[in-house]
């Protein structure tokens, strides 16, 4: 959203914009898994959010990092968080309004 209250995606006023709600109710699968990196470090990866037209993914990344007290980043269409946080990430995403049946744990 820009400073005058107009959505950058749909062009509707901020009060009427439903871009994130529409994207969250669509048919998609969010995959949460843990990758082992260099020296055995674990990284929790959240994939499948990039095609959802969610303008607030960097904001969601920041919120996850704050709630989990960890570092992380949003790049290449996926969120990466330092450490193994699979279970907590699912709880947070459901609390943010993502459908539980669309979240797949691997």
PDB file of N, CA and C in Angstrom:
ATOM      1  N   UNK A   1       0.840  -1.171   0.000  1.00  0.00           N
ATOM      2  CA  UNK A   1       0.000   0.000   0.000  1.00  0.00           C
ATOM      3  C   UNK A   1       0.892   1.244   0.000  1.00  0.00           C
ATOM      4  N   UNK A   2       0.495   2.213  -0.742  1.00  0.00           N
ATOM      5  CA  UNK A   2       1.273   3.438  -0.761  1.00  0.00           C
ATOM      6  C   UNK A   2       0.749   4.412   0.281  1.00  0.00           C
ATOM      7  N   UNK A   3       1.343   5.591   0.346  1.00  0.00           N
ATOM      8  CA  UNK A   3       1.051   6.527   1.429  1.00  0.00           C
ATOM      9  C   UNK A   3      -0.357   7.128   1.368  1.00  0.00           C
ATOM     10  N   UNK A   4      -1.014   7.115   0.213  1.00  0.00           N
ATOM     11  CA  UNK A   4      -2.346   7.719   0.131  1.00  0.00           C
ATOM     12  C   UNK A   4      -3.469   6.708   0.341  1.00  0.00           C
ATOM     13  N   UNK A   5      -3.134   5.476   0.702  1.00  0.00           N
ATOM     14  CA  UNK A   5      -4.154   4.499   1.028  1.00  0.00           C
ATOM     15  C   UNK A   5      -4.705   3.725  -0.138  1.00  0.00           C
ATOM     16  N   UNK A   6      -3.967   3.622  -1.227  1.00  0.00           N
ATOM     17  CA  UNK A   6      -4.389   2.858  -2.396  1.00  0.00           C
ATOM     18  C   UNK A   6      -3.509   1.612  -2.502  1.00  0.00           C
ATOM     19  N   UNK A   7      -4.117   0.470  -2.705  1.00  0.00           N
ATOM     20  CA  UNK A   7      -3.380  -0.794  -2.836  1.00  0.00           C
ATOM     21  C   UNK A   7      -2.572  -0.784  -4.134  1.00  0.00           C
ATOM     22  N   UNK A   8      -1.307  -1.185  -4.052  1.00  0.00           N
ATOM     23  CA  UNK A   8      -0.442  -1.232  -5.235  1.00  0.00           C
ATOM     24  C   UNK A   8      -0.783  -2.396  -6.159  1.00  0.00           C
ATOM     25  N   UNK A   9      -1.487  -3.403  -5.662  1.00  0.00           N
ATOM     26  CA  UNK A   9      -1.797  -4.585  -6.461  1.00  0.00           C
ATOM     27  C   UNK A   9      -3.099  -4.417  -7.232  1.00  0.00           C
ATOM     28  N   UNK A  10      -4.177  -4.094  -6.512  1.00  0.00           N
ATOM     29  CA  UNK A  10      -5.485  -4.030  -7.170  1.00  0.00           C
ATOM     30  C   UNK A  10      -5.949  -2.610  -7.482  1.00  0.00           C
ATOM     31  N   UNK A  11      -5.344  -1.590  -6.860  1.00  0.00           N
ATOM     32  CA  UNK A  11      -5.729  -0.216  -7.111  1.00  0.00           C
ATOM     33  C   UNK A  11      -6.942   0.250  -6.326  1.00  0.00           C
ATOM     34  N   UNK A  12      -7.453  -0.574  -5.451  1.00  0.00           N
ATOM     35  CA  UNK A  12      -8.618  -0.222  -4.641  1.00  0.00           C
ATOM     36  C   UNK A  12      -8.170   0.581  -3.416  1.00  0.00           C
ATOM     37  N   UNK A  13      -9.092   1.360  -2.827  1.00  0.00           N
ATOM     38  CA  UNK A  13      -8.754   2.036  -1.569  1.00  0.00           C
ATOM     39  C   UNK A  13      -8.414   1.010  -0.489  1.00  0.00           C
ATOM     40  N   UNK A  14      -7.573   1.409   0.446  1.00  0.00           N
ATOM     41  CA  UNK A  14      -7.088   0.508   1.481  1.00  0.00           C
ATOM     42  C   UNK A  14      -8.230  -0.144   2.259  1.00  0.00           C
ATOM     43  N   UNK A  15      -9.301   0.587   2.514  1.00  0.00           N
ATOM     44  CA  UNK A  15     -10.438   0.049   3.270  1.00  0.00           C
ATOM     45  C   UNK A  15     -11.163  -1.064   2.529  1.00  0.00           C
ATOM     46  N   UNK A  16     -11.128  -1.044   1.193  1.00  0.00           N
ATOM     47  CA  UNK A  16     -11.848  -2.024   0.384  1.00  0.00           C
ATOM     48  C   UNK A  16     -10.965  -3.138  -0.156  1.00  0.00           C
ATOM     49  N   UNK A  17      -9.643  -3.001  -0.023  1.00  0.00           N
ATOM     50  CA  UNK A  17      -8.702  -3.974  -0.590  1.00  0.00           C
ATOM     51  C   UNK A  17      -8.844  -5.324   0.106  1.00  0.00           C
ATOM     52  N   UNK A  18      -8.904  -6.381  -0.709  1.00  0.00           N
ATOM     53  CA  UNK A  18      -9.014  -7.739  -0.177  1.00  0.00           C
ATOM     54  C   UNK A  18      -7.988  -8.654  -0.833  1.00  0.00           C
ATOM     55  N   UNK A  19      -6.898  -8.095  -1.322  1.00  0.00           N
ATOM     56  CA  UNK A  19      -5.887  -8.888  -2.038  1.00  0.00           C
ATOM     57  C   UNK A  19      -5.338 -10.025  -1.181  1.00  0.00           C
ATOM     58  N   UNK A  20      -4.953  -9.730   0.049  1.00  0.00           N
ATOM     59  CA  UNK A  20      -4.363 -10.767   0.885  1.00  0.00           C
ATOM     60  C   UNK A  20      -5.398 -11.809   1.293  1.00  0.00           C
ATOM     61  N   UNK A  21      -6.646 -11.381   1.535  1.00  0.00           N
ATOM     62  CA  UNK A  21      -7.693 -12.345   1.890  1.00  0.00           C
ATOM     63  C   UNK A  21      -7.997 -13.274   0.729  1.00  0.00           C
ATOM     64  N   UNK A  22      -8.061 -12.734  -0.485  1.00  0.00           N
ATOM     65  CA  UNK A  22      -8.328 -13.549  -1.668  1.00  0.00           C
ATOM     66  C   UNK A  22      -7.186 -14.522  -1.905  1.00  0.00           C
ATOM     67  N   UNK A  23      -5.962 -14.056  -1.763  1.00  0.00           N
ATOM     68  CA  UNK A  23      -4.797 -14.912  -1.985  1.00  0.00           C
ATOM     69  C   UNK A  23      -4.739 -16.034  -0.957  1.00  0.00           C
ATOM     70  N   UNK A  24      -5.123 -15.741   0.274  1.00  0.00           N
ATOM     71  CA  UNK A  24      -5.049 -16.754   1.329  1.00  0.00           C
ATOM     72  C   UNK A  24      -6.129 -17.821   1.194  1.00  0.00           C
ATOM     73  N   UNK A  25      -7.223 -17.521   0.509  1.00  0.00           N
ATOM     74  CA  UNK A  25      -8.294 -18.502   0.368  1.00  0.00           C
ATOM     75  C   UNK A  25      -8.171 -19.308  -0.922  1.00  0.00           C
ATOM     76  N   UNK A  26      -7.213 -18.983  -1.766  1.00  0.00           N
ATOM     77  CA  UNK A  26      -7.033 -19.686  -3.035  1.00  0.00           C
ATOM     78  C   UNK A  26      -6.493 -21.099  -2.848  1.00  0.00           C
ATOM     79  N   UNK A  27      -6.391 -21.820  -3.963  1.00  0.00           N
ATOM     80  CA  UNK A  27      -5.881 -23.188  -3.938  1.00  0.00           C
ATOM     81  C   UNK A  27      -4.362 -23.148  -4.072  1.00  0.00           C
ATOM     82  N   UNK A  28      -3.674 -23.380  -2.990  1.00  0.00           N
ATOM     83  CA  UNK A  28      -2.225 -23.392  -2.988  1.00  0.00           C
ATOM     84  C   UNK A  28      -1.736 -24.262  -1.842  1.00  0.00           C
ATOM     85  N   UNK A  29      -0.467 -24.602  -1.866  1.00  0.00           N
ATOM     86  CA  UNK A  29       0.135 -25.410  -0.813  1.00  0.00           C
ATOM     87  C   UNK A  29       1.377 -24.698  -0.305  1.00  0.00           C
ATOM     88  N   UNK A  30       1.427 -24.504   0.995  1.00  0.00           N
ATOM     89  CA  UNK A  30       2.598 -23.931   1.642  1.00  0.00           C
ATOM     90  C   UNK A  30       3.403 -25.089   2.192  1.00  0.00           C
ATOM     91  N   UNK A  31       4.656 -25.184   1.817  1.00  0.00           N
ATOM     92  CA  UNK A  31       5.518 -26.266   2.285  1.00  0.00           C
ATOM     93  C   UNK A  31       6.483 -25.725   3.324  1.00  0.00           C
ATOM     94  N   UNK A  32       6.544 -26.402   4.463  1.00  0.00           N
ATOM     95  CA  UNK A  32       7.472 -26.039   5.528  1.00  0.00           C
ATOM     96  C   UNK A  32       8.407 -27.222   5.726  1.00  0.00           C
ATOM     97  N   UNK A  33       9.696 -26.969   5.610  1.00  0.00           N
ATOM     98  CA  UNK A  33      10.679 -28.036   5.800  1.00  0.00           C
ATOM     99  C   UNK A  33      11.979 -27.462   6.339  1.00  0.00           C
ATOM    100  N   UNK A  34      12.851 -28.353   6.809  1.00  0.00           N
ATOM    101  CA  UNK A  34      14.134 -27.954   7.386  1.00  0.00           C
ATOM    102  C   UNK A  34      15.245 -28.458   6.485  1.00  0.00           C
ATOM    103  N   UNK A  35      16.173 -27.562   6.148  1.00  0.00           N
ATOM    104  CA  UNK A  35      17.350 -27.920   5.356  1.00  0.00           C
ATOM    105  C   UNK A  35      18.579 -27.879   6.248  1.00  0.00           C
ATOM    106  N   UNK A  36      19.487 -28.795   6.011  1.00  0.00           N
ATOM    107  CA  UNK A  36      20.783 -28.757   6.694  1.00  0.00           C
ATOM    108  C   UNK A  36      21.733 -27.968   5.818  1.00  0.00           C
ATOM    109  N   UNK A  37      22.406 -27.026   6.413  1.00  0.00           N
ATOM    110  CA  UNK A  37      23.359 -26.196   5.691  1.00  0.00           C
ATOM    111  C   UNK A  37      24.781 -26.528   6.125  1.00  0.00           C
ATOM    112  N   UNK A  38      25.668 -25.688   5.708  1.00  0.00           N
ATOM    113  CA  UNK A  38      27.085 -25.828   6.020  1.00  0.00           C
ATOM    114  C   UNK A  38      27.295 -25.972   7.529  1.00  0.00           C
ATOM    115  N   UNK A  39      28.159 -26.869   7.917  1.00  0.00           N
ATOM    116  CA  UNK A  39      28.503 -27.167   9.310  1.00  0.00           C
ATOM    117  C   UNK A  39      27.314 -27.656  10.124  1.00  0.00           C
ATOM    118  N   UNK A  40      26.323 -28.275   9.472  1.00  0.00           N
ATOM    119  CA  UNK A  40      25.203 -28.898  10.170  1.00  0.00           C
ATOM    120  C   UNK A  40      24.155 -27.941  10.697  1.00  0.00           C
ATOM    121  N   UNK A  41      24.201 -26.698  10.290  1.00  0.00           N
ATOM    122  CA  UNK A  41      23.203 -25.737  10.758  1.00  0.00           C
ATOM    123  C   UNK A  41      21.866 -25.991  10.063  1.00  0.00           C
ATOM    124  N   UNK A  42      20.793 -25.825  10.813  1.00  0.00           N
ATOM    125  CA  UNK A  42      19.459 -26.050  10.274  1.00  0.00           C
ATOM    126  C   UNK A  42      18.789 -24.728   9.908  1.00  0.00           C
ATOM    127  N   UNK A  43      18.033 -24.770   8.815  1.00  0.00           N
ATOM    128  CA  UNK A  43      17.284 -23.597   8.343  1.00  0.00           C
ATOM    129  C   UNK A  43      15.863 -24.056   8.039  1.00  0.00           C
ATOM    130  N   UNK A  44      14.881 -23.385   8.625  1.00  0.00           N
ATOM    131  CA  UNK A  44      13.481 -23.665   8.330  1.00  0.00           C
ATOM    132  C   UNK A  44      13.097 -22.879   7.085  1.00  0.00           C
ATOM    133  N   UNK A  45      12.539 -23.575   6.086  1.00  0.00           N
ATOM    134  CA  UNK A  45      12.173 -22.960   4.819  1.00  0.00           C
ATOM    135  C   UNK A  45      10.655 -23.015   4.654  1.00  0.00           C
ATOM    136  N   UNK A  46      10.071 -21.881   4.287  1.00  0.00           N
ATOM    137  CA  UNK A  46       8.641 -21.792   3.998  1.00  0.00           C
ATOM    138  C   UNK A  46       8.534 -21.467   2.520  1.00  0.00           C
ATOM    139  N   UNK A  47       8.015 -22.415   1.749  1.00  0.00           N
ATOM    140  CA  UNK A  47       7.954 -22.273   0.300  1.00  0.00           C
ATOM    141  C   UNK A  47       6.500 -22.356  -0.151  1.00  0.00           C
ATOM    142  N   UNK A  48       6.185 -21.736  -1.272  1.00  0.00           N
ATOM    143  CA  UNK A  48       4.839 -21.800  -1.829  1.00  0.00           C
ATOM    144  C   UNK A  48       4.033 -20.541  -1.625  1.00  0.00           C
ATOM    145  N   UNK A  49       4.644 -19.500  -1.066  1.00  0.00           N
ATOM    146  CA  UNK A  49       3.933 -18.240  -0.851  1.00  0.00           C
ATOM    147  C   UNK A  49       4.133 -17.253  -1.983  1.00  0.00           C
ATOM    148  N   UNK A  50       5.126 -17.466  -2.836  1.00  0.00           N
ATOM    149  CA  UNK A  50       5.506 -16.472  -3.833  1.00  0.00           C
ATOM    150  C   UNK A  50       4.461 -16.249  -4.910  1.00  0.00           C
ATOM    151  N   UNK A  51       3.708 -17.235  -5.298  1.00  0.00           N
ATOM    152  CA  UNK A  51       2.720 -17.079  -6.360  1.00  0.00           C
ATOM    153  C   UNK A  51       1.375 -16.596  -5.869  1.00  0.00           C
ATOM    154  N   UNK A  52       1.274 -16.174  -4.650  1.00  0.00           N
ATOM    155  CA  UNK A  52      -0.019 -15.834  -4.055  1.00  0.00           C
ATOM    156  C   UNK A  52      -0.352 -14.355  -4.109  1.00  0.00           C
ATOM    157  N   UNK A  53       0.480 -13.532  -4.763  1.00  0.00           N
ATOM    158  CA  UNK A  53       0.243 -12.094  -4.858  1.00  0.00           C
ATOM    159  C   UNK A  53       0.127 -11.444  -3.485  1.00  0.00           C
ATOM    160  N   UNK A  54       0.857 -11.954  -2.534  1.00  0.00           N
ATOM    161  CA  UNK A  54       0.836 -11.365  -1.204  1.00  0.00           C
ATOM    162  C   UNK A  54       1.879 -10.257  -1.135  1.00  0.00           C
ATOM    163  N   UNK A  55       1.424  -9.042  -1.019  1.00  0.00           N
ATOM    164  CA  UNK A  55       2.336  -7.906  -0.991  1.00  0.00           C
ATOM    165  C   UNK A  55       3.047  -7.799   0.351  1.00  0.00           C
ATOM    166  N   UNK A  56       2.555  -8.505   1.353  1.00  0.00           N
ATOM    167  CA  UNK A  56       3.111  -8.357   2.689  1.00  0.00           C
ATOM    168  C   UNK A  56       4.066  -9.487   3.083  1.00  0.00           C
ATOM    169  N   UNK A  57       4.692 -10.164   2.134  1.00  0.00           N
ATOM    170  CA  UNK A  57       5.627 -11.241   2.483  1.00  0.00           C
ATOM    171  C   UNK A  57       6.844 -10.744   3.251  1.00  0.00           C
ATOM    172  N   UNK A  58       7.449  -9.628   2.882  1.00  0.00           N
ATOM    173  CA  UNK A  58       8.547  -9.131   3.727  1.00  0.00           C
ATOM    174  C   UNK A  58       8.070  -8.792   5.142  1.00  0.00           C
ATOM    175  N   UNK A  59       6.837  -8.287   5.253  1.00  0.00           N
ATOM    176  CA  UNK A  59       6.279  -7.983   6.574  1.00  0.00           C
ATOM    177  C   UNK A  59       6.025  -9.271   7.358  1.00  0.00           C
ATOM    178  N   UNK A  60       5.543 -10.309   6.659  1.00  0.00           N
ATOM    179  CA  UNK A  60       5.329 -11.608   7.301  1.00  0.00           C
ATOM    180  C   UNK A  60       6.655 -12.198   7.766  1.00  0.00           C
ATOM    181  N   UNK A  61       7.693 -12.050   6.963  1.00  0.00           N
ATOM    182  CA  UNK A  61       9.022 -12.530   7.344  1.00  0.00           C
ATOM    183  C   UNK A  61       9.485 -11.833   8.609  1.00  0.00           C
ATOM    184  N   UNK A  62       9.315 -10.540   8.660  1.00  0.00           N
ATOM    185  CA  UNK A  62       9.721  -9.765   9.840  1.00  0.00           C
ATOM    186  C   UNK A  62       8.949 -10.213  11.081  1.00  0.00           C
ATOM    187  N   UNK A  63       7.643 -10.466  10.913  1.00  0.00           N
ATOM    188  CA  UNK A  63       6.811 -10.899  12.038  1.00  0.00           C
ATOM    189  C   UNK A  63       7.252 -12.281  12.543  1.00  0.00           C
ATOM    190  N   UNK A  64       7.546 -13.205  11.611  1.00  0.00           N
ATOM    191  CA  UNK A  64       8.017 -14.539  12.003  1.00  0.00           C
ATOM    192  C   UNK A  64       9.337 -14.450  12.748  1.00  0.00           C
ATOM    193  N   UNK A  65      10.263 -13.647  12.246  1.00  0.00           N
ATOM    194  CA  UNK A  65      11.565 -13.491  12.894  1.00  0.00           C
ATOM    195  C   UNK A  65      11.408 -12.942  14.306  1.00  0.00           C
ATOM    196  N   UNK A  66      10.508 -11.991  14.472  1.00  0.00           N
ATOM    197  CA  UNK A  66      10.296 -11.387  15.785  1.00  0.00           C
ATOM    198  C   UNK A  66       9.665 -12.379  16.756  1.00  0.00           C
ATOM    199  N   UNK A  67       8.630 -13.106  16.312  1.00  0.00           N
ATOM    200  CA  UNK A  67       7.943 -14.053  17.195  1.00  0.00           C
ATOM    201  C   UNK A  67       8.819 -15.248  17.558  1.00  0.00           C
ATOM    202  N   UNK A  68       9.718 -15.634  16.653  1.00  0.00           N
ATOM    203  CA  UNK A  68      10.580 -16.787  16.902  1.00  0.00           C
ATOM    204  C   UNK A  68      11.939 -16.389  17.466  1.00  0.00           C
ATOM    205  N   UNK A  69      12.199 -15.101  17.578  1.00  0.00           N
ATOM    206  CA  UNK A  69      13.469 -14.582  18.084  1.00  0.00           C
ATOM    207  C   UNK A  69      14.647 -15.195  17.347  1.00  0.00           C
ATOM    208  N   UNK A  70      14.606 -15.097  16.026  1.00  0.00           N
ATOM    209  CA  UNK A  70      15.653 -15.681  15.201  1.00  0.00           C
ATOM    210  C   UNK A  70      15.919 -14.787  13.996  1.00  0.00           C
ATOM    211  N   UNK A  71      16.990 -15.072  13.307  1.00  0.00           N
ATOM    212  CA  UNK A  71      17.303 -14.356  12.076  1.00  0.00           C
ATOM    213  C   UNK A  71      16.662 -15.055  10.898  1.00  0.00           C
ATOM    214  N   UNK A  72      16.618 -14.372   9.784  1.00  0.00           N
ATOM    215  CA  UNK A  72      16.047 -14.982   8.599  1.00  0.00           C
ATOM    216  C   UNK A  72      15.970 -13.990   7.464  1.00  0.00           C
ATOM    217  N   UNK A  73      15.431 -14.461   6.334  1.00  0.00           N
ATOM    218  CA  UNK A  73      15.338 -13.610   5.153  1.00  0.00           C
ATOM    219  C   UNK A  73      14.208 -14.090   4.253  1.00  0.00           C
ATOM    220  N   UNK A  74      13.796 -13.198   3.351  1.00  0.00           N
ATOM    221  CA  UNK A  74      12.856 -13.542   2.291  1.00  0.00           C
ATOM    222  C   UNK A  74      13.599 -13.358   0.983  1.00  0.00           C
ATOM    223  N   UNK A  75      13.807 -14.450   0.253  1.00  0.00           N
ATOM    224  CA  UNK A  75      14.481 -14.339  -1.047  1.00  0.00           C
ATOM    225  C   UNK A  75      14.059 -15.494  -1.933  1.00  0.00           C
ATOM    226  N   UNK A  76      14.109 -15.253  -3.230  1.00  0.00           N
ATOM    227  CA  UNK A  76      13.758 -16.256  -4.234  1.00  0.00           C
ATOM    228  C   UNK A  76      12.377 -16.860  -3.997  1.00  0.00           C
ATOM    229  N   UNK A  77      11.446 -16.069  -3.505  1.00  0.00           N
ATOM    230  CA  UNK A  77      10.080 -16.535  -3.321  1.00  0.00           C
ATOM    231  C   UNK A  77       9.862 -17.445  -2.132  1.00  0.00           C
ATOM    232  N   UNK A  78      10.797 -17.468  -1.202  1.00  0.00           N
ATOM    233  CA  UNK A  78      10.619 -18.299  -0.016  1.00  0.00           C
ATOM    234  C   UNK A  78      11.217 -17.616   1.207  1.00  0.00           C
ATOM    235  N   UNK A  79      10.685 -17.973   2.363  1.00  0.00           N
ATOM    236  CA  UNK A  79      11.154 -17.423   3.627  1.00  0.00           C
ATOM    237  C   UNK A  79      12.098 -18.441   4.248  1.00  0.00           C
ATOM    238  N   UNK A  80      13.266 -17.981   4.693  1.00  0.00           N
ATOM    239  CA  UNK A  80      14.242 -18.848   5.359  1.00  0.00           C
ATOM    240  C   UNK A  80      14.490 -18.294   6.756  1.00  0.00           C
ATOM    241  N   UNK A  81      14.345 -19.161   7.756  1.00  0.00           N
ATOM    242  CA  UNK A  81      14.557 -18.788   9.150  1.00  0.00           C
ATOM    243  C   UNK A  81      15.658 -19.651   9.754  1.00  0.00           C
ATOM    244  N   UNK A  82      16.533 -19.049  10.520  1.00  0.00           N
ATOM    245  CA  UNK A  82      17.625 -19.789  11.137  1.00  0.00           C
ATOM    246  C   UNK A  82      17.078 -20.687  12.247  1.00  0.00           C
ATOM    247  N   UNK A  83      17.445 -21.957  12.211  1.00  0.00           N
ATOM    248  CA  UNK A  83      17.020 -22.913  13.228  1.00  0.00           C
ATOM    249  C   UNK A  83      15.840 -23.763  12.769  1.00  0.00           C
ATOM    250  N   UNK A  84      15.476 -24.737  13.602  1.00  0.00           N
ATOM    251  CA  UNK A  84      14.369 -25.640  13.319  1.00  0.00           C
ATOM    252  C   UNK A  84      13.117 -25.132  14.048  1.00  0.00           C
ATOM    253  N   UNK A  85      12.210 -24.514  13.300  1.00  0.00           N
ATOM    254  CA  UNK A  85      11.000 -23.912  13.874  1.00  0.00           C
ATOM    255  C   UNK A  85       9.742 -24.397  13.170  1.00  0.00           C
ATOM    256  N   UNK A  86       9.756 -25.615  12.620  1.00  0.00           N
ATOM    257  CA  UNK A  86       8.629 -26.098  11.811  1.00  0.00           C
ATOM    258  C   UNK A  86       7.287 -25.988  12.516  1.00  0.00           C
ATOM    259  N   UNK A  87       7.203 -26.508  13.723  1.00  0.00           N
ATOM    260  CA  UNK A  87       5.919 -26.550  14.421  1.00  0.00           C
ATOM    261  C   UNK A  87       5.407 -25.155  14.773  1.00  0.00           C
ATOM    262  N   UNK A  88       6.280 -24.304  15.266  1.00  0.00           N
ATOM    263  CA  UNK A  88       5.882 -22.944  15.635  1.00  0.00           C
ATOM    264  C   UNK A  88       5.468 -22.129  14.406  1.00  0.00           C
ATOM    265  N   UNK A  89       6.171 -22.329  13.286  1.00  0.00           N
ATOM    266  CA  UNK A  89       5.843 -21.590  12.061  1.00  0.00           C
ATOM    267  C   UNK A  89       4.429 -21.932  11.616  1.00  0.00           C
ATOM    268  N   UNK A  90       4.068 -23.196  11.677  1.00  0.00           N
ATOM    269  CA  UNK A  90       2.713 -23.592  11.272  1.00  0.00           C
ATOM    270  C   UNK A  90       1.675 -22.913  12.156  1.00  0.00           C
ATOM    271  N   UNK A  91       1.905 -22.891  13.473  1.00  0.00           N
ATOM    272  CA  UNK A  91       0.977 -22.240  14.396  1.00  0.00           C
ATOM    273  C   UNK A  91       0.818 -20.758  14.068  1.00  0.00           C
ATOM    274  N   UNK A  92       1.931 -20.099  13.777  1.00  0.00           N
ATOM    275  CA  UNK A  92       1.899 -18.670  13.491  1.00  0.00           C
ATOM    276  C   UNK A  92       1.171 -18.400  12.175  1.00  0.00           C
ATOM    277  N   UNK A  93       1.434 -19.215  11.145  1.00  0.00           N
ATOM    278  CA  UNK A  93       0.765 -19.017   9.861  1.00  0.00           C
ATOM    279  C   UNK A  93      -0.744 -19.215   9.978  1.00  0.00           C
ATOM    280  N   UNK A  94      -1.169 -20.207  10.755  1.00  0.00           N
ATOM    281  CA  UNK A  94      -2.607 -20.429  10.966  1.00  0.00           C
ATOM    282  C   UNK A  94      -3.207 -19.233  11.706  1.00  0.00           C
ATOM    283  N   UNK A  95      -2.484 -18.705  12.694  1.00  0.00           N
ATOM    284  CA  UNK A  95      -2.956 -17.533  13.430  1.00  0.00           C
ATOM    285  C   UNK A  95      -3.032 -16.299  12.526  1.00  0.00           C
ATOM    286  N   UNK A  96      -2.201 -16.242  11.490  1.00  0.00           N
ATOM    287  CA  UNK A  96      -2.207 -15.113  10.546  1.00  0.00           C
ATOM    288  C   UNK A  96      -3.321 -15.240   9.504  1.00  0.00           C
ATOM    289  N   UNK A  97      -4.046 -16.359   9.494  1.00  0.00           N
ATOM    290  CA  UNK A  97      -5.186 -16.496   8.596  1.00  0.00           C
ATOM    291  C   UNK A  97      -4.988 -17.452   7.435  1.00  0.00           C
ATOM    292  N   UNK A  98      -3.859 -18.118   7.363  1.00  0.00           N
ATOM    293  CA  UNK A  98      -3.658 -19.101   6.307  1.00  0.00           C
ATOM    294  C   UNK A  98      -4.400 -20.379   6.673  1.00  0.00           C
ATOM    295  N   UNK A  99      -5.049 -21.036   5.708  1.00  0.00           N
ATOM    296  CA  UNK A  99      -5.801 -22.265   6.021  1.00  0.00           C
ATOM    297  C   UNK A  99      -4.855 -23.396   6.431  1.00  0.00           C
ATOM    298  N   UNK A 100      -5.215 -24.089   7.508  1.00  0.00           N
ATOM    299  CA  UNK A 100      -4.363 -25.150   8.047  1.00  0.00           C
ATOM    300  C   UNK A 100      -4.195 -26.301   7.063  1.00  0.00           C
ATOM    301  N   UNK A 101      -5.232 -26.606   6.282  1.00  0.00           N
ATOM    302  CA  UNK A 101      -5.136 -27.723   5.347  1.00  0.00           C
ATOM    303  C   UNK A 101      -4.247 -27.402   4.134  1.00  0.00           C
ATOM    304  N   UNK A 102      -3.887 -26.133   3.940  1.00  0.00           N
ATOM    305  CA  UNK A 102      -3.006 -25.750   2.845  1.00  0.00           C
ATOM    306  C   UNK A 102      -1.534 -25.787   3.254  1.00  0.00           C
ATOM    307  N   UNK A 103      -1.259 -26.047   4.536  1.00  0.00           N
ATOM    308  CA  UNK A 103       0.113 -26.070   5.027  1.00  0.00           C
ATOM    309  C   UNK A 103       0.581 -27.507   5.116  1.00  0.00           C
ATOM    310  N   UNK A 104       1.659 -27.799   4.422  1.00  0.00           N
ATOM    311  CA  UNK A 104       2.213 -29.159   4.354  1.00  0.00           C
ATOM    312  C   UNK A 104       3.580 -29.176   5.035  1.00  0.00           C
ATOM    313  N   UNK A 105       3.719 -30.051   6.016  1.00  0.00           N
ATOM    314  CA  UNK A 105       4.997 -30.209   6.729  1.00  0.00           C
ATOM    315  C   UNK A 105       5.743 -31.383   6.122  1.00  0.00           C
ATOM    316  N   UNK A 106       7.016 -31.171   5.817  1.00  0.00           N
ATOM    317  CA  UNK A 106       7.817 -32.243   5.223  1.00  0.00           C
ATOM    318  C   UNK A 106       8.929 -32.630   6.145  1.00  0.00           C
TER     319      UNK A 106
END
